[in-house]
Amino acid sequence: MHIHVTANHGEAKFWLEPEITLAVNHGLSAHEVRELQHVVEEQRDDIIQYWHDHFGND
């Protein structure tokens, strides 16, 4: 499972499982990626739950 995070000047893709890792970064600074990863880590459980609510548990 992964998510895409977009900004005006770039995009990052993070894998959520088995652990949170950066998959792709286009245009974001290392500092921005670290901040985004921190937010994803804090919200991981909610993100996964929202994903299951939207797409189903399959």
N, C-alpha and C. Protein backbone atom coordinates (compact mmCIF):
# COMPACT_ATOMS: atom_id res chain seq x y z
N MET A 1 0.86 -1.17 0.00
CA MET A 1 0.00 0.00 0.00
C MET A 1 0.90 1.23 0.00
N HIS A 2 0.52 2.23 -0.77
CA HIS A 2 1.30 3.45 -0.83
C HIS A 2 0.39 4.66 -0.96
N ILE A 3 0.97 5.84 -0.72
CA ILE A 3 0.24 7.09 -0.92
C ILE A 3 1.13 8.05 -1.71
N HIS A 4 0.47 8.99 -2.37
CA HIS A 4 1.15 10.07 -3.07
C HIS A 4 0.83 11.36 -2.32
N VAL A 5 1.85 12.16 -2.12
CA VAL A 5 1.70 13.47 -1.50
C VAL A 5 2.14 14.50 -2.52
N THR A 6 1.25 15.41 -2.86
CA THR A 6 1.57 16.40 -3.88
C THR A 6 1.64 17.80 -3.28
N ALA A 7 2.48 18.63 -3.89
CA ALA A 7 2.62 20.03 -3.53
C ALA A 7 2.67 20.81 -4.84
N ASN A 8 2.69 22.12 -4.75
CA ASN A 8 2.72 22.96 -5.95
C ASN A 8 3.93 22.66 -6.81
N HIS A 9 5.03 22.30 -6.21
CA HIS A 9 6.29 22.16 -6.93
C HIS A 9 6.86 20.74 -6.91
N GLY A 10 6.07 19.75 -6.48
CA GLY A 10 6.61 18.40 -6.47
C GLY A 10 5.65 17.37 -5.94
N GLU A 11 6.14 16.14 -5.87
CA GLU A 11 5.33 15.01 -5.41
C GLU A 11 6.25 13.96 -4.81
N ALA A 12 5.75 13.28 -3.79
CA ALA A 12 6.47 12.17 -3.19
C ALA A 12 5.51 10.98 -3.07
N LYS A 13 6.07 9.80 -3.17
CA LYS A 13 5.31 8.56 -2.99
C LYS A 13 5.94 7.83 -1.82
N PHE A 14 5.11 7.43 -0.86
CA PHE A 14 5.57 6.69 0.31
C PHE A 14 4.90 5.33 0.37
N TRP A 15 5.69 4.28 0.58
CA TRP A 15 5.15 2.97 0.90
C TRP A 15 4.74 3.00 2.36
N LEU A 16 3.59 2.41 2.70
CA LEU A 16 3.11 2.36 4.08
C LEU A 16 3.39 1.02 4.74
N GLU A 17 3.58 0.01 3.93
CA GLU A 17 3.78 -1.34 4.45
C GLU A 17 4.92 -2.00 3.69
N PRO A 18 5.75 -2.79 4.29
CA PRO A 18 5.70 -3.21 5.69
C PRO A 18 6.15 -2.11 6.64
N GLU A 19 6.91 -1.12 6.12
CA GLU A 19 7.25 0.04 6.93
C GLU A 19 7.20 1.27 6.02
N ILE A 20 7.14 2.44 6.60
CA ILE A 20 7.05 3.66 5.82
C ILE A 20 8.41 3.96 5.22
N THR A 21 8.44 4.01 3.88
CA THR A 21 9.66 4.34 3.16
C THR A 21 9.32 5.21 1.97
N LEU A 22 10.26 6.07 1.62
CA LEU A 22 10.10 6.92 0.45
C LEU A 22 10.35 6.09 -0.79
N ALA A 23 9.42 6.10 -1.71
CA ALA A 23 9.56 5.36 -2.96
C ALA A 23 10.05 6.27 -4.08
N VAL A 24 9.46 7.48 -4.17
CA VAL A 24 9.78 8.40 -5.26
C VAL A 24 9.68 9.83 -4.73
N ASN A 25 10.57 10.68 -5.19
CA ASN A 25 10.51 12.10 -4.88
C ASN A 25 10.77 12.87 -6.17
N HIS A 26 9.84 13.73 -6.52
CA HIS A 26 10.00 14.60 -7.69
C HIS A 26 9.85 16.05 -7.24
N GLY A 27 10.98 16.74 -7.09
CA GLY A 27 10.94 18.18 -6.88
C GLY A 27 10.88 18.68 -5.46
N LEU A 28 10.79 17.80 -4.47
CA LEU A 28 10.73 18.25 -3.08
C LEU A 28 12.12 18.20 -2.46
N SER A 29 12.40 19.15 -1.58
CA SER A 29 13.70 19.18 -0.91
C SER A 29 13.78 18.06 0.12
N ALA A 30 15.00 17.74 0.53
CA ALA A 30 15.19 16.72 1.56
C ALA A 30 14.45 17.11 2.85
N HIS A 31 14.47 18.38 3.18
CA HIS A 31 13.77 18.86 4.37
C HIS A 31 12.26 18.63 4.25
N GLU A 32 11.70 18.95 3.09
CA GLU A 32 10.26 18.74 2.87
C GLU A 32 9.91 17.26 2.95
N VAL A 33 10.73 16.41 2.38
CA VAL A 33 10.48 14.96 2.42
C VAL A 33 10.51 14.47 3.88
N ARG A 34 11.48 14.93 4.65
CA ARG A 34 11.54 14.53 6.07
C ARG A 34 10.29 14.97 6.82
N GLU A 35 9.84 16.19 6.58
CA GLU A 35 8.62 16.68 7.23
C GLU A 35 7.41 15.85 6.81
N LEU A 36 7.29 15.56 5.52
CA LEU A 36 6.17 14.75 5.04
C LEU A 36 6.22 13.35 5.63
N GLN A 37 7.40 12.75 5.67
CA GLN A 37 7.51 11.41 6.22
C GLN A 37 7.09 11.40 7.69
N HIS A 38 7.46 12.43 8.42
CA HIS A 38 7.05 12.52 9.82
C HIS A 38 5.52 12.56 9.94
N VAL A 39 4.87 13.35 9.10
CA VAL A 39 3.40 13.43 9.12
C VAL A 39 2.80 12.07 8.76
N VAL A 40 3.34 11.43 7.74
CA VAL A 40 2.82 10.11 7.34
C VAL A 40 3.00 9.11 8.48
N GLU A 41 4.14 9.15 9.15
CA GLU A 41 4.36 8.24 10.28
C GLU A 41 3.34 8.48 11.39
N GLU A 42 3.07 9.76 11.70
CA GLU A 42 2.10 10.08 12.74
C GLU A 42 0.68 9.67 12.37
N GLN A 43 0.35 9.72 11.07
CA GLN A 43 -1.02 9.48 10.61
C GLN A 43 -1.21 8.12 9.94
N ARG A 44 -0.19 7.28 9.98
CA ARG A 44 -0.21 6.01 9.24
C ARG A 44 -1.48 5.20 9.49
N ASP A 45 -1.83 4.98 10.74
CA ASP A 45 -3.01 4.16 11.05
C ASP A 45 -4.28 4.75 10.47
N ASP A 46 -4.44 6.08 10.58
CA ASP A 46 -5.62 6.74 10.02
C ASP A 46 -5.63 6.64 8.51
N ILE A 47 -4.47 6.83 7.88
CA ILE A 47 -4.39 6.74 6.42
C ILE A 47 -4.81 5.36 5.95
N ILE A 48 -4.30 4.33 6.61
CA ILE A 48 -4.66 2.95 6.24
C ILE A 48 -6.15 2.70 6.45
N GLN A 49 -6.70 3.20 7.54
CA GLN A 49 -8.12 3.01 7.80
C GLN A 49 -8.96 3.71 6.74
N TYR A 50 -8.60 4.94 6.39
CA TYR A 50 -9.33 5.67 5.34
C TYR A 50 -9.25 4.93 4.00
N TRP A 51 -8.08 4.37 3.72
CA TRP A 51 -7.91 3.62 2.48
C TRP A 51 -8.87 2.43 2.45
N HIS A 52 -8.91 1.68 3.55
CA HIS A 52 -9.82 0.53 3.63
C HIS A 52 -11.30 0.95 3.56
N ASP A 53 -11.62 2.07 4.21
CA ASP A 53 -13.00 2.57 4.15
C ASP A 53 -13.38 2.94 2.73
N HIS A 54 -12.45 3.50 1.98
CA HIS A 54 -12.75 3.95 0.62
C HIS A 54 -12.72 2.81 -0.40
N PHE A 55 -11.69 1.95 -0.33
CA PHE A 55 -11.50 0.92 -1.34
C PHE A 55 -11.97 -0.47 -0.91
N GLY A 56 -12.28 -0.63 0.35
CA GLY A 56 -12.66 -1.94 0.86
C GLY A 56 -11.45 -2.64 1.47
N ASN A 57 -11.69 -3.74 2.12
CA ASN A 57 -10.62 -4.42 2.86
C ASN A 57 -9.88 -5.44 2.03
N ASP A 58 -10.13 -5.52 0.74
CA ASP A 58 -9.47 -6.53 -0.08
C ASP A 58 -8.01 -6.23 -0.28
